[in-house]
Amino acid sequence: MAEPKKDLFTEEEQSMANFARALSHPARIKILKILNDLNGCIVAEMVERLPLAQSTISQHLEELKKAGLIRNAVEGPKRYYCLNQSIVLKAKSKLDKLFSNICNCC
């Protein structure tokens, strides 16, 4: 039986890949910037700032949420989204370490 490829990589490598996957679309980068600038917001506020349909924005929000980079709270009929600061800082630290090591190799 074939061994799952995921098992060939460390937990840290898998974690960094998950962060990178979540950041792999420019709309997600922009969403993170909007959430940072506004200190959180509802989807309708993002629709005003992005050239995307609400359903598309919601899909991108789900990807960011799966990676743990954002969190949400339900306020009546609306969902309020904000950065998950502890995970964002963890991702930054891991990526800083990765690129620091890569930059020192050559």
PDB file of N, CA and C in Angstrom:
ATOM      1  N   MET A   1       0.848  -1.186   0.000  1.00  0.00           N
ATOM      2  CA  MET A   1       0.000   0.000   0.000  1.00  0.00           C
ATOM      3  C   MET A   1       0.890   1.244   0.000  1.00  0.00           C
ATOM      4  N   ALA A   2       0.533   2.209  -0.795  1.00  0.00           N
ATOM      5  CA  ALA A   2       1.323   3.437  -0.913  1.00  0.00           C
ATOM      6  C   ALA A   2       1.222   4.265   0.363  1.00  0.00           C
ATOM      7  N   GLU A   3       2.351   4.831   0.732  1.00  0.00           N
ATOM      8  CA  GLU A   3       2.408   5.699   1.915  1.00  0.00           C
ATOM      9  C   GLU A   3       1.907   7.090   1.531  1.00  0.00           C
ATOM     10  N   PRO A   4       1.048   7.688   2.363  1.00  0.00           N
ATOM     11  CA  PRO A   4       0.601   9.054   2.048  1.00  0.00           C
ATOM     12  C   PRO A   4       1.794  10.005   1.960  1.00  0.00           C
ATOM     13  N   LYS A   5       1.831  10.792   0.902  1.00  0.00           N
ATOM     14  CA  LYS A   5       2.956  11.714   0.683  1.00  0.00           C
ATOM     15  C   LYS A   5       3.087  12.734   1.805  1.00  0.00           C
ATOM     16  N   LYS A   6       1.963  13.095   2.399  1.00  0.00           N
ATOM     17  CA  LYS A   6       1.974  14.090   3.469  1.00  0.00           C
ATOM     18  C   LYS A   6       2.855  13.644   4.638  1.00  0.00           C
ATOM     19  N   ASP A   7       2.904  12.328   4.862  1.00  0.00           N
ATOM     20  CA  ASP A   7       3.693  11.792   5.973  1.00  0.00           C
ATOM     21  C   ASP A   7       5.197  11.949   5.760  1.00  0.00           C
ATOM     22  N   LEU A   8       5.604  12.292   4.556  1.00  0.00           N
ATOM     23  CA  LEU A   8       7.026  12.439   4.251  1.00  0.00           C
ATOM     24  C   LEU A   8       7.578  13.803   4.664  1.00  0.00           C
ATOM     25  N   PHE A   9       6.696  14.690   5.125  1.00  0.00           N
ATOM     26  CA  PHE A   9       7.101  16.047   5.474  1.00  0.00           C
ATOM     27  C   PHE A   9       6.816  16.318   6.939  1.00  0.00           C
ATOM     28  N   THR A  10       7.635  17.183   7.526  1.00  0.00           N
ATOM     29  CA  THR A  10       7.459  17.506   8.942  1.00  0.00           C
ATOM     30  C   THR A  10       6.176  18.305   9.147  1.00  0.00           C
ATOM     31  N   GLU A  11       5.741  18.335  10.386  1.00  0.00           N
ATOM     32  CA  GLU A  11       4.552  19.117  10.736  1.00  0.00           C
ATOM     33  C   GLU A  11       4.769  20.593  10.407  1.00  0.00           C
ATOM     34  N   GLU A  12       5.986  21.089  10.653  1.00  0.00           N
ATOM     35  CA  GLU A  12       6.293  22.496  10.358  1.00  0.00           C
ATOM     36  C   GLU A  12       6.221  22.767   8.858  1.00  0.00           C
ATOM     37  N   GLU A  13       6.757  21.856   8.048  1.00  0.00           N
ATOM     38  CA  GLU A  13       6.699  22.029   6.591  1.00  0.00           C
ATOM     39  C   GLU A  13       5.250  22.015   6.097  1.00  0.00           C
ATOM     40  N   GLN A  14       4.442  21.132   6.654  1.00  0.00           N
ATOM     41  CA  GLN A  14       3.029  21.076   6.277  1.00  0.00           C
ATOM     42  C   GLN A  14       2.299  22.341   6.706  1.00  0.00           C
ATOM     43  N   SER A  15       2.634  22.836   7.890  1.00  0.00           N
ATOM     44  CA  SER A  15       2.014  24.060   8.394  1.00  0.00           C
ATOM     45  C   SER A  15       2.353  25.249   7.495  1.00  0.00           C
ATOM     46  N   MET A  16       3.623  25.369   7.114  1.00  0.00           N
ATOM     47  CA  MET A  16       4.028  26.464   6.227  1.00  0.00           C
ATOM     48  C   MET A  16       3.347  26.346   4.868  1.00  0.00           C
ATOM     49  N   ALA A  17       3.208  25.124   4.366  1.00  0.00           N
ATOM     50  CA  ALA A  17       2.533  24.916   3.082  1.00  0.00           C
ATOM     51  C   ALA A  17       1.064  25.335   3.171  1.00  0.00           C
ATOM     52  N   ASN A  18       0.430  25.068   4.307  1.00  0.00           N
ATOM     53  CA  ASN A  18      -0.965  25.491   4.494  1.00  0.00           C
ATOM     54  C   ASN A  18      -1.088  27.007   4.488  1.00  0.00           C
ATOM     55  N   PHE A  19      -0.157  27.693   5.158  1.00  0.00           N
ATOM     56  CA  PHE A  19      -0.170  29.159   5.146  1.00  0.00           C
ATOM     57  C   PHE A  19       0.056  29.672   3.724  1.00  0.00           C
ATOM     58  N   ALA A  20       1.041  29.082   3.033  1.00  0.00           N
ATOM     59  CA  ALA A  20       1.350  29.517   1.668  1.00  0.00           C
ATOM     60  C   ALA A  20       0.156  29.287   0.740  1.00  0.00           C
ATOM     61  N   ARG A  21      -0.525  28.162   0.898  1.00  0.00           N
ATOM     62  CA  ARG A  21      -1.704  27.867   0.083  1.00  0.00           C
ATOM     63  C   ARG A  21      -2.793  28.914   0.330  1.00  0.00           C
ATOM     64  N   ALA A  22      -2.973  29.271   1.588  1.00  0.00           N
ATOM     65  CA  ALA A  22      -3.995  30.271   1.930  1.00  0.00           C
ATOM     66  C   ALA A  22      -3.658  31.635   1.342  1.00  0.00           C
ATOM     67  N   LEU A  23      -2.382  31.913   1.157  1.00  0.00           N
ATOM     68  CA  LEU A  23      -1.944  33.208   0.632  1.00  0.00           C
ATOM     69  C   LEU A  23      -1.732  33.186  -0.883  1.00  0.00           C
ATOM     70  N   SER A  24      -2.099  32.087  -1.531  1.00  0.00           N
ATOM     71  CA  SER A  24      -1.753  31.901  -2.944  1.00  0.00           C
ATOM     72  C   SER A  24      -2.677  32.601  -3.940  1.00  0.00           C
ATOM     73  N   HIS A  25      -3.585  33.411  -3.469  1.00  0.00           N
ATOM     74  CA  HIS A  25      -4.465  34.154  -4.379  1.00  0.00           C
ATOM     75  C   HIS A  25      -4.429  35.629  -3.991  1.00  0.00           C
ATOM     76  N   PRO A  26      -4.288  36.528  -4.969  1.00  0.00           N
ATOM     77  CA  PRO A  26      -4.205  37.959  -4.642  1.00  0.00           C
ATOM     78  C   PRO A  26      -5.426  38.485  -3.888  1.00  0.00           C
ATOM     79  N   ALA A  27      -6.590  37.896  -4.122  1.00  0.00           N
ATOM     80  CA  ALA A  27      -7.787  38.348  -3.398  1.00  0.00           C
ATOM     81  C   ALA A  27      -7.643  38.083  -1.901  1.00  0.00           C
ATOM     82  N   ARG A  28      -7.012  36.978  -1.549  1.00  0.00           N
ATOM     83  CA  ARG A  28      -6.832  36.652  -0.128  1.00  0.00           C
ATOM     84  C   ARG A  28      -5.840  37.601   0.529  1.00  0.00           C
ATOM     85  N   ILE A  29      -4.819  37.976  -0.215  1.00  0.00           N
ATOM     86  CA  ILE A  29      -3.863  38.967   0.297  1.00  0.00           C
ATOM     87  C   ILE A  29      -4.610  40.278   0.560  1.00  0.00           C
ATOM     88  N   LYS A  30      -5.426  40.688  -0.400  1.00  0.00           N
ATOM     89  CA  LYS A  30      -6.192  41.935  -0.262  1.00  0.00           C
ATOM     90  C   LYS A  30      -7.171  41.837   0.907  1.00  0.00           C
ATOM     91  N   ILE A  31      -7.815  40.704   1.081  1.00  0.00           N
ATOM     92  CA  ILE A  31      -8.741  40.527   2.204  1.00  0.00           C
ATOM     93  C   ILE A  31      -8.007  40.697   3.527  1.00  0.00           C
ATOM     94  N   LEU A  32      -6.823  40.114   3.647  1.00  0.00           N
ATOM     95  CA  LEU A  32      -6.042  40.275   4.882  1.00  0.00           C
ATOM     96  C   LEU A  32      -5.704  41.744   5.121  1.00  0.00           C
ATOM     97  N   LYS A  33      -5.348  42.462   4.051  1.00  0.00           N
ATOM     98  CA  LYS A  33      -5.046  43.894   4.183  1.00  0.00           C
ATOM     99  C   LYS A  33      -6.277  44.676   4.635  1.00  0.00           C
ATOM    100  N   ILE A  34      -7.422  44.358   4.052  1.00  0.00           N
ATOM    101  CA  ILE A  34      -8.665  45.045   4.433  1.00  0.00           C
ATOM    102  C   ILE A  34      -8.988  44.780   5.898  1.00  0.00           C
ATOM    103  N   LEU A  35      -8.893  43.525   6.308  1.00  0.00           N
ATOM    104  CA  LEU A  35      -9.186  43.192   7.706  1.00  0.00           C
ATOM    105  C   LEU A  35      -8.228  43.901   8.651  1.00  0.00           C
ATOM    106  N   ASN A  36      -6.980  44.031   8.237  1.00  0.00           N
ATOM    107  CA  ASN A  36      -6.006  44.746   9.060  1.00  0.00           C
ATOM    108  C   ASN A  36      -6.337  46.236   9.119  1.00  0.00           C
ATOM    109  N   ASP A  37      -6.606  46.836   7.958  1.00  0.00           N
ATOM    110  CA  ASP A  37      -6.892  48.275   7.894  1.00  0.00           C
ATOM    111  C   ASP A  37      -8.147  48.655   8.675  1.00  0.00           C
ATOM    112  N   LEU A  38      -9.174  47.807   8.589  1.00  0.00           N
ATOM    113  CA  LEU A  38     -10.451  48.115   9.242  1.00  0.00           C
ATOM    114  C   LEU A  38     -10.564  47.510  10.642  1.00  0.00           C
ATOM    115  N   ASN A  39      -9.536  46.768  11.027  1.00  0.00           N
ATOM    116  CA  ASN A  39      -9.564  46.067  12.313  1.00  0.00           C
ATOM    117  C   ASN A  39     -10.774  45.130  12.381  1.00  0.00           C
ATOM    118  N   GLY A  40     -11.068  44.483  11.242  1.00  0.00           N
ATOM    119  CA  GLY A  40     -12.189  43.566  11.136  1.00  0.00           C
ATOM    120  C   GLY A  40     -13.369  44.217  10.448  1.00  0.00           C
ATOM    121  N   CYS A  41     -14.214  43.398   9.817  1.00  0.00           N
ATOM    122  CA  CYS A  41     -15.401  43.927   9.144  1.00  0.00           C
ATOM    123  C   CYS A  41     -16.336  42.798   8.746  1.00  0.00           C
ATOM    124  N   ILE A  42     -17.485  43.174   8.202  1.00  0.00           N
ATOM    125  CA  ILE A  42     -18.430  42.195   7.675  1.00  0.00           C
ATOM    126  C   ILE A  42     -18.199  42.054   6.170  1.00  0.00           C
ATOM    127  N   VAL A  43     -18.758  41.005   5.585  1.00  0.00           N
ATOM    128  CA  VAL A  43     -18.540  40.724   4.165  1.00  0.00           C
ATOM    129  C   VAL A  43     -18.993  41.889   3.281  1.00  0.00           C
ATOM    130  N   ALA A  44     -20.099  42.522   3.627  1.00  0.00           N
ATOM    131  CA  ALA A  44     -20.611  43.634   2.809  1.00  0.00           C
ATOM    132  C   ALA A  44     -19.571  44.743   2.660  1.00  0.00           C
ATOM    133  N   GLU A  45     -18.787  44.986   3.703  1.00  0.00           N
ATOM    134  CA  GLU A  45     -17.738  46.012   3.618  1.00  0.00           C
ATOM    135  C   GLU A  45     -16.624  45.578   2.670  1.00  0.00           C
ATOM    136  N   MET A  46     -16.353  44.282   2.606  1.00  0.00           N
ATOM    137  CA  MET A  46     -15.343  43.784   1.676  1.00  0.00           C
ATOM    138  C   MET A  46     -15.847  43.874   0.239  1.00  0.00           C
ATOM    139  N   VAL A  47     -17.139  43.602   0.043  1.00  0.00           N
ATOM    140  CA  VAL A  47     -17.736  43.685  -1.295  1.00  0.00           C
ATOM    141  C   VAL A  47     -17.566  45.094  -1.856  1.00  0.00           C
ATOM    142  N   GLU A  48     -17.661  46.109  -1.002  1.00  0.00           N
ATOM    143  CA  GLU A  48     -17.480  47.500  -1.429  1.00  0.00           C
ATOM    144  C   GLU A  48     -16.043  47.790  -1.853  1.00  0.00           C
ATOM    145  N   ARG A  49     -15.090  47.032  -1.333  1.00  0.00           N
ATOM    146  CA  ARG A  49     -13.674  47.317  -1.565  1.00  0.00           C
ATOM    147  C   ARG A  49     -12.998  46.371  -2.563  1.00  0.00           C
ATOM    148  N   LEU A  50     -13.682  45.304  -2.939  1.00  0.00           N
ATOM    149  CA  LEU A  50     -13.094  44.319  -3.848  1.00  0.00           C
ATOM    150  C   LEU A  50     -13.947  44.172  -5.107  1.00  0.00           C
ATOM    151  N   PRO A  51     -13.312  43.943  -6.259  1.00  0.00           N
ATOM    152  CA  PRO A  51     -14.071  43.763  -7.502  1.00  0.00           C
ATOM    153  C   PRO A  51     -14.540  42.315  -7.671  1.00  0.00           C
ATOM    154  N   LEU A  52     -15.096  41.748  -6.605  1.00  0.00           N
ATOM    155  CA  LEU A  52     -15.517  40.350  -6.603  1.00  0.00           C
ATOM    156  C   LEU A  52     -16.934  40.224  -6.060  1.00  0.00           C
ATOM    157  N   ALA A  53     -17.607  39.170  -6.478  1.00  0.00           N
ATOM    158  CA  ALA A  53     -18.949  38.890  -5.965  1.00  0.00           C
ATOM    159  C   ALA A  53     -18.864  38.450  -4.506  1.00  0.00           C
ATOM    160  N   GLN A  54     -19.938  38.660  -3.784  1.00  0.00           N
ATOM    161  CA  GLN A  54     -19.973  38.276  -2.374  1.00  0.00           C
ATOM    162  C   GLN A  54     -19.690  36.783  -2.200  1.00  0.00           C
ATOM    163  N   SER A  55     -20.227  35.953  -3.092  1.00  0.00           N
ATOM    164  CA  SER A  55     -20.003  34.507  -2.972  1.00  0.00           C
ATOM    165  C   SER A  55     -18.526  34.154  -3.149  1.00  0.00           C
ATOM    166  N   THR A  56     -17.847  34.856  -4.048  1.00  0.00           N
ATOM    167  CA  THR A  56     -16.414  34.625  -4.263  1.00  0.00           C
ATOM    168  C   THR A  56     -15.621  35.051  -3.040  1.00  0.00           C
ATOM    169  N   ILE A  57     -15.957  36.191  -2.482  1.00  0.00           N
ATOM    170  CA  ILE A  57     -15.285  36.667  -1.269  1.00  0.00           C
ATOM    171  C   ILE A  57     -15.497  35.669  -0.139  1.00  0.00           C
ATOM    172  N   SER A  58     -16.702  35.157  -0.014  1.00  0.00           N
ATOM    173  CA  SER A  58     -16.995  34.177   1.037  1.00  0.00           C
ATOM    174  C   SER A  58     -16.152  32.916   0.875  1.00  0.00           C
ATOM    175  N   GLN A  59     -15.932  32.487  -0.366  1.00  0.00           N
ATOM    176  CA  GLN A  59     -15.078  31.315  -0.606  1.00  0.00           C
ATOM    177  C   GLN A  59     -13.642  31.594  -0.173  1.00  0.00           C
ATOM    178  N   HIS A  60     -13.144  32.777  -0.485  1.00  0.00           N
ATOM    179  CA  HIS A  60     -11.787  33.137  -0.077  1.00  0.00           C
ATOM    180  C   HIS A  60     -11.689  33.247   1.446  1.00  0.00           C
ATOM    181  N   LEU A  61     -12.717  33.779   2.071  1.00  0.00           N
ATOM    182  CA  LEU A  61     -12.734  33.863   3.535  1.00  0.00           C
ATOM    183  C   LEU A  61     -12.664  32.468   4.157  1.00  0.00           C
ATOM    184  N   GLU A  62     -13.351  31.511   3.566  1.00  0.00           N
ATOM    185  CA  GLU A  62     -13.322  30.138   4.084  1.00  0.00           C
ATOM    186  C   GLU A  62     -11.914  29.556   4.009  1.00  0.00           C
ATOM    187  N   GLU A  63     -11.201  29.822   2.924  1.00  0.00           N
ATOM    188  CA  GLU A  63      -9.823  29.329   2.791  1.00  0.00           C
ATOM    189  C   GLU A  63      -8.919  29.949   3.855  1.00  0.00           C
ATOM    190  N   LEU A  64      -9.071  31.237   4.082  1.00  0.00           N
ATOM    191  CA  LEU A  64      -8.269  31.913   5.110  1.00  0.00           C
ATOM    192  C   LEU A  64      -8.631  31.396   6.497  1.00  0.00           C
ATOM    193  N   LYS A  65      -9.896  31.108   6.696  1.00  0.00           N
ATOM    194  CA  LYS A  65     -10.355  30.583   7.984  1.00  0.00           C
ATOM    195  C   LYS A  65      -9.814  29.169   8.212  1.00  0.00           C
ATOM    196  N   LYS A  66      -9.812  28.336   7.163  1.00  0.00           N
ATOM    197  CA  LYS A  66      -9.271  26.978   7.276  1.00  0.00           C
ATOM    198  C   LYS A  66      -7.807  27.004   7.694  1.00  0.00           C
ATOM    199  N   ALA A  67      -7.069  27.992   7.209  1.00  0.00           N
ATOM    200  CA  ALA A  67      -5.656  28.124   7.564  1.00  0.00           C
ATOM    201  C   ALA A  67      -5.477  28.743   8.944  1.00  0.00           C
ATOM    202  N   GLY A  68      -6.564  29.230   9.527  1.00  0.00           N
ATOM    203  CA  GLY A  68      -6.500  29.825  10.857  1.00  0.00           C
ATOM    204  C   GLY A  68      -6.102  31.287  10.865  1.00  0.00           C
ATOM    205  N   LEU A  69      -5.908  31.884   9.689  1.00  0.00           N
ATOM    206  CA  LEU A  69      -5.433  33.264   9.621  1.00  0.00           C
ATOM    207  C   LEU A  69      -6.498  34.286  10.004  1.00  0.00           C
ATOM    208  N   ILE A  70      -7.762  33.904   9.862  1.00  0.00           N
ATOM    209  CA  ILE A  70      -8.850  34.795  10.273  1.00  0.00           C
ATOM    210  C   ILE A  70      -9.832  34.013  11.133  1.00  0.00           C
ATOM    211  N   ARG A  71     -10.673  34.755  11.826  1.00  0.00           N
ATOM    212  CA  ARG A  71     -11.751  34.135  12.597  1.00  0.00           C
ATOM    213  C   ARG A  71     -12.997  34.969  12.388  1.00  0.00           C
ATOM    214  N   ASN A  72     -14.120  34.404  12.761  1.00  0.00           N
ATOM    215  CA  ASN A  72     -15.354  35.156  12.581  1.00  0.00           C
ATOM    216  C   ASN A  72     -16.264  34.980  13.785  1.00  0.00           C
ATOM    217  N   ALA A  73     -17.167  35.930  13.916  1.00  0.00           N
ATOM    218  CA  ALA A  73     -18.188  35.890  14.959  1.00  0.00           C
ATOM    219  C   ALA A  73     -19.509  36.259  14.301  1.00  0.00           C
ATOM    220  N   VAL A  74     -20.561  35.626  14.740  1.00  0.00           N
ATOM    221  CA  VAL A  74     -21.886  35.921  14.200  1.00  0.00           C
ATOM    222  C   VAL A  74     -22.512  37.020  15.040  1.00  0.00           C
ATOM    223  N   GLU A  75     -22.919  38.080  14.353  1.00  0.00           N
ATOM    224  CA  GLU A  75     -23.603  39.206  15.005  1.00  0.00           C
ATOM    225  C   GLU A  75     -24.954  39.374  14.329  1.00  0.00           C
ATOM    226  N   GLY A  76     -25.966  38.744  14.892  1.00  0.00           N
ATOM    227  CA  GLY A  76     -27.279  38.760  14.253  1.00  0.00           C
ATOM    228  C   GLY A  76     -27.207  38.009  12.941  1.00  0.00           C
ATOM    229  N   PRO A  77     -27.685  38.608  11.851  1.00  0.00           N
ATOM    230  CA  PRO A  77     -27.646  37.922  10.558  1.00  0.00           C
ATOM    231  C   PRO A  77     -26.295  38.062   9.841  1.00  0.00           C
ATOM    232  N   LYS A  78     -25.364  38.771  10.426  1.00  0.00           N
ATOM    233  CA  LYS A  78     -24.087  39.055   9.763  1.00  0.00           C
ATOM    234  C   LYS A  78     -22.938  38.311  10.436  1.00  0.00           C
ATOM    235  N   ARG A  79     -21.913  38.054   9.621  1.00  0.00           N
ATOM    236  CA  ARG A  79     -20.675  37.462  10.142  1.00  0.00           C
ATOM    237  C   ARG A  79     -19.606  38.544  10.135  1.00  0.00           C
ATOM    238  N   TYR A  80     -18.969  38.711  11.271  1.00  0.00           N
ATOM    239  CA  TYR A  80     -17.909  39.694  11.439  1.00  0.00           C
ATOM    240  C   TYR A  80     -16.583  38.940  11.366  1.00  0.00           C
ATOM    241  N   TYR A  81     -15.687  39.368  10.492  1.00  0.00           N
ATOM    242  CA  TYR A  81     -14.390  38.713  10.309  1.00  0.00           C
ATOM    243  C   TYR A  81     -13.270  39.607  10.815  1.00  0.00           C
ATOM    244  N   CYS A  82     -12.254  38.970  11.395  1.00  0.00           N
ATOM    245  CA  CYS A  82     -11.062  39.707  11.830  1.00  0.00           C
ATOM    246  C   CYS A  82      -9.850  38.780  11.735  1.00  0.00           C
ATOM    247  N   LEU A  83      -8.676  39.394  11.785  1.00  0.00           N
ATOM    248  CA  LEU A  83      -7.441  38.617  11.762  1.00  0.00           C
ATOM    249  C   LEU A  83      -7.310  37.830  13.054  1.00  0.00           C
ATOM    250  N   ASN A  84      -6.769  36.640  12.947  1.00  0.00           N
ATOM    251  CA  ASN A  84      -6.434  35.842  14.121  1.00  0.00           C
ATOM    252  C   ASN A  84      -4.965  36.150  14.413  1.00  0.00           C
ATOM    253  N   GLN A  85      -4.750  37.188  15.213  1.00  0.00           N
ATOM    254  CA  GLN A  85      -3.404  37.745  15.412  1.00  0.00           C
ATOM    255  C   GLN A  85      -2.371  36.697  15.816  1.00  0.00           C
ATOM    256  N   SER A  86      -2.716  35.795  16.709  1.00  0.00           N
ATOM    257  CA  SER A  86      -1.722  34.819  17.170  1.00  0.00           C
ATOM    258  C   SER A  86      -1.274  33.908  16.028  1.00  0.00           C
ATOM    259  N   ILE A  87      -2.198  33.510  15.165  1.00  0.00           N
ATOM    260  CA  ILE A  87      -1.838  32.646  14.039  1.00  0.00           C
ATOM    261  C   ILE A  87      -1.105  33.442  12.960  1.00  0.00           C
ATOM    262  N   VAL A  88      -1.515  34.675  12.728  1.00  0.00           N
ATOM    263  CA  VAL A  88      -0.815  35.530  11.759  1.00  0.00           C
ATOM    264  C   VAL A  88       0.638  35.717  12.192  1.00  0.00           C
ATOM    265  N   LEU A  89       0.858  35.972  13.470  1.00  0.00           N
ATOM    266  CA  LEU A  89       2.229  36.136  13.975  1.00  0.00           C
ATOM    267  C   LEU A  89       3.017  34.834  13.881  1.00  0.00           C
ATOM    268  N   LYS A  90       2.351  33.712  14.121  1.00  0.00           N
ATOM    269  CA  LYS A  90       3.000  32.404  14.000  1.00  0.00           C
ATOM    270  C   LYS A  90       3.414  32.162  12.547  1.00  0.00           C
ATOM    271  N   ALA A  91       2.524  32.473  11.607  1.00  0.00           N
ATOM    272  CA  ALA A  91       2.833  32.306  10.183  1.00  0.00           C
ATOM    273  C   ALA A  91       3.996  33.203   9.782  1.00  0.00           C
ATOM    274  N   LYS A  92       3.978  34.443  10.242  1.00  0.00           N
ATOM    275  CA  LYS A  92       5.061  35.385   9.937  1.00  0.00           C
ATOM    276  C   LYS A  92       6.390  34.857  10.450  1.00  0.00           C
ATOM    277  N   SER A  93       6.396  34.361  11.669  1.00  0.00           N
ATOM    278  CA  SER A  93       7.617  33.831  12.270  1.00  0.00           C
ATOM    279  C   SER A  93       8.153  32.642  11.473  1.00  0.00           C
ATOM    280  N   LYS A  94       7.267  31.729  11.097  1.00  0.00           N
ATOM    281  CA  LYS A  94       7.688  30.549  10.335  1.00  0.00           C
ATOM    282  C   LYS A  94       8.234  30.943   8.962  1.00  0.00           C
ATOM    283  N   LEU A  95       7.546  31.858   8.286  1.00  0.00           N
ATOM    284  CA  LEU A  95       8.003  32.277   6.964  1.00  0.00           C
ATOM    285  C   LEU A  95       9.288  33.101   7.051  1.00  0.00           C
ATOM    286  N   ASP A  96       9.416  33.944   8.082  1.00  0.00           N
ATOM    287  CA  ASP A  96      10.666  34.689   8.299  1.00  0.00           C
ATOM    288  C   ASP A  96      11.831  33.724   8.470  1.00  0.00           C
ATOM    289  N   LYS A  97      11.619  32.690   9.271  1.00  0.00           N
ATOM    290  CA  LYS A  97      12.668  31.698   9.534  1.00  0.00           C
ATOM    291  C   LYS A  97      13.041  30.967   8.247  1.00  0.00           C
ATOM    292  N   LEU A  98      12.038  30.567   7.476  1.00  0.00           N
ATOM    293  CA  LEU A  98      12.285  29.867   6.219  1.00  0.00           C
ATOM    294  C   LEU A  98      13.117  30.721   5.274  1.00  0.00           C
ATOM    295  N   PHE A  99      12.683  31.962   5.043  1.00  0.00           N
ATOM    296  CA  PHE A  99      13.390  32.814   4.090  1.00  0.00           C
ATOM    297  C   PHE A  99      14.742  33.268   4.621  1.00  0.00           C
ATOM    298  N   SER A 100      14.871  33.398   5.913  1.00  0.00           N
ATOM    299  CA  SER A 100      16.165  33.725   6.509  1.00  0.00           C
ATOM    300  C   SER A 100      17.168  32.611   6.221  1.00  0.00           C
ATOM    301  N   ASN A 101      16.726  31.365   6.378  1.00  0.00           N
ATOM    302  CA  ASN A 101      17.602  30.224   6.100  1.00  0.00           C
ATOM    303  C   ASN A 101      17.925  30.116   4.617  1.00  0.00           C
ATOM    304  N   ILE A 102      16.946  30.362   3.769  1.00  0.00           N
ATOM    305  CA  ILE A 102      17.161  30.282   2.326  1.00  0.00           C
ATOM    306  C   ILE A 102      18.127  31.369   1.870  1.00  0.00           C
ATOM    307  N   CYS A 103      17.971  32.573   2.400  1.00  0.00           N
ATOM    308  CA  CYS A 103      18.821  33.696   1.989  1.00  0.00           C
ATOM    309  C   CYS A 103      20.265  33.521   2.430  1.00  0.00           C
ATOM    310  N   ASN A 104      20.496  32.730   3.445  1.00  0.00           N
ATOM    311  CA  ASN A 104      21.857  32.526   3.946  1.00  0.00           C
ATOM    312  C   ASN A 104      22.577  31.375   3.257  1.00  0.00           C
ATOM    313  N   CYS A 105      21.919  30.707   2.313  1.00  0.00           N
ATOM    314  CA  CYS A 105      22.543  29.513   1.741  1.00  0.00           C
ATOM    315  C   CYS A 105      23.466  29.822   0.568  1.00  0.00           C
ATOM    316  N   CYS A 106      23.318  30.924  -0.086  1.00  0.00           N
ATOM    317  CA  CYS A 106      24.114  31.187  -1.297  1.00  0.00           C
ATOM    318  C   CYS A 106      24.918  32.470  -1.179  1.00  0.00           C
TER     319      CYS A 106
END
